[in-house]
Amino acid sequence: MNHILTMLDSLRRPRLLIQAARIGAAEYRRAIHLRRHLGPGRLPRSGEALMQLLEIEAHMDARRKTGEATYSATDHVDILIVMMGEARLLRAAHPPAQPM
């Protein structure tokens, strides 16, 4: 779990994409937003979902960097919203240990 969150924390994306995603993440609804990216069927746990989302987002970011015509900033923001929402759920389910 910590590995996934560390990977997320190390992502560096343009400020405008992150700001837009933070605004959208406030309205994150797992059943709607996550299903849009992972398709029908059982929704995976947040950790597993984040691994899949990281892969999808990496492909989007590669298209952004190369200027491909298939790149969509809207889709990129949407996947970042889902990633932020899932990370929030994962952090809530596994709070850091309190020192004794």
Protein backbone atom coordinates (compact mmCIF):
# COMPACT_ATOMS: atom_id res chain seq x y z
CA MET A 1 0.00 0.00 0.00
CA ASN A 2 2.77 2.44 0.91
CA HIS A 3 4.53 1.64 -2.36
CA ILE A 4 1.49 2.73 -4.38
CA LEU A 5 1.11 5.97 -2.44
CA THR A 6 4.83 6.68 -2.80
CA MET A 7 4.50 6.21 -6.55
CA LEU A 8 1.59 8.64 -6.62
CA ASP A 9 3.46 11.19 -4.53
CA SER A 10 6.39 11.06 -6.94
CA LEU A 11 4.31 11.83 -10.05
CA ARG A 12 5.12 15.18 -11.62
CA ARG A 13 2.46 16.59 -13.90
CA PRO A 14 1.68 20.11 -15.16
CA ARG A 15 0.21 22.33 -12.47
CA LEU A 16 -2.94 23.09 -14.47
CA LEU A 17 -3.79 19.38 -14.81
CA ILE A 18 -3.31 18.83 -11.08
CA GLN A 19 -5.33 21.90 -10.09
CA ALA A 20 -8.23 20.86 -12.31
CA ALA A 21 -8.10 17.30 -10.94
CA ARG A 22 -8.12 18.52 -7.33
CA ILE A 23 -11.29 20.49 -8.01
CA GLY A 24 -12.92 17.46 -9.62
CA ALA A 25 -11.75 15.07 -6.90
CA ALA A 26 -14.03 16.81 -4.41
CA GLU A 27 -16.97 15.29 -6.30
CA TYR A 28 -15.44 11.83 -6.80
CA ARG A 29 -17.97 8.98 -6.85
CA ARG A 30 -16.27 5.61 -7.07
CA ALA A 31 -19.10 3.64 -8.68
CA ILE A 32 -19.41 6.18 -11.49
CA HIS A 33 -15.91 7.49 -12.10
CA LEU A 34 -13.87 4.33 -11.58
CA ARG A 35 -16.21 2.20 -13.70
CA ARG A 36 -15.80 4.68 -16.57
CA HIS A 37 -12.10 3.80 -16.73
CA LEU A 38 -12.04 0.14 -15.68
CA GLY A 39 -15.25 -0.99 -17.34
CA PRO A 40 -18.13 -3.15 -16.12
CA GLY A 41 -17.86 -5.85 -13.53
CA ARG A 42 -16.56 -5.98 -10.00
CA LEU A 43 -14.66 -2.91 -8.93
CA PRO A 44 -11.23 -3.77 -7.53
CA ARG A 45 -9.99 -2.58 -4.15
CA SER A 46 -8.36 0.84 -4.15
CA GLY A 47 -4.77 -0.46 -4.22
CA GLU A 48 -5.41 -2.72 -7.19
CA ALA A 49 -7.41 0.00 -8.93
CA LEU A 50 -4.61 2.50 -8.44
CA MET A 51 -2.09 0.16 -10.06
CA GLN A 52 -4.32 -0.12 -13.13
CA LEU A 53 -4.96 3.63 -13.14
CA LEU A 54 -1.23 4.41 -12.90
CA GLU A 55 -0.65 2.37 -16.04
CA ILE A 56 -3.49 4.09 -17.92
CA GLU A 57 -2.30 7.52 -16.80
CA ALA A 58 1.31 6.78 -17.81
CA HIS A 59 0.14 6.06 -21.37
CA MET A 60 -1.87 9.29 -21.38
CA ASP A 61 1.10 11.27 -20.13
CA ALA A 62 3.33 9.75 -22.81
CA ARG A 63 0.83 10.87 -25.46
CA ARG A 64 0.79 14.35 -23.89
CA LYS A 65 4.57 14.62 -23.97
CA THR A 66 4.84 13.48 -27.59
CA GLY A 67 1.97 15.71 -28.75
CA GLU A 68 -0.06 12.86 -30.21
CA ALA A 69 -3.38 13.82 -31.78
CA THR A 70 -5.13 11.19 -29.66
CA TYR A 71 -4.21 12.99 -26.42
CA SER A 72 -7.14 14.55 -24.55
CA ALA A 73 -6.48 16.89 -21.62
CA THR A 74 -10.07 16.30 -20.49
CA ASP A 75 -9.51 12.54 -20.31
CA HIS A 76 -6.20 13.09 -18.54
CA VAL A 77 -7.82 15.28 -15.88
CA ASP A 78 -10.57 12.69 -15.48
CA ILE A 79 -8.09 9.86 -14.82
CA LEU A 80 -6.20 12.08 -12.36
CA ILE A 81 -9.50 12.75 -10.54
CA VAL A 82 -10.07 9.02 -10.20
CA MET A 83 -6.50 8.46 -9.01
CA MET A 84 -6.84 11.18 -6.38
CA GLY A 85 -10.18 9.79 -5.23
CA GLU A 86 -8.83 6.26 -4.93
CA ALA A 87 -5.72 7.48 -3.11
CA ARG A 88 -7.94 9.32 -0.63
CA LEU A 89 -9.95 6.12 -0.01
CA LEU A 90 -6.77 4.07 0.40
CA ARG A 91 -5.28 6.55 2.87
CA ALA A 92 -8.52 6.59 4.86
CA ALA A 93 -8.56 2.80 5.04
CA HIS A 94 -4.90 2.63 6.15
CA PRO A 95 -4.11 5.60 8.37
CA PRO A 96 -0.48 6.01 9.40
CA ALA A 97 0.50 4.35 12.66
CA GLN A 98 0.67 6.67 15.66
CA PRO A 99 3.98 6.65 17.55
CA MET A 100 3.75 5.34 21.10
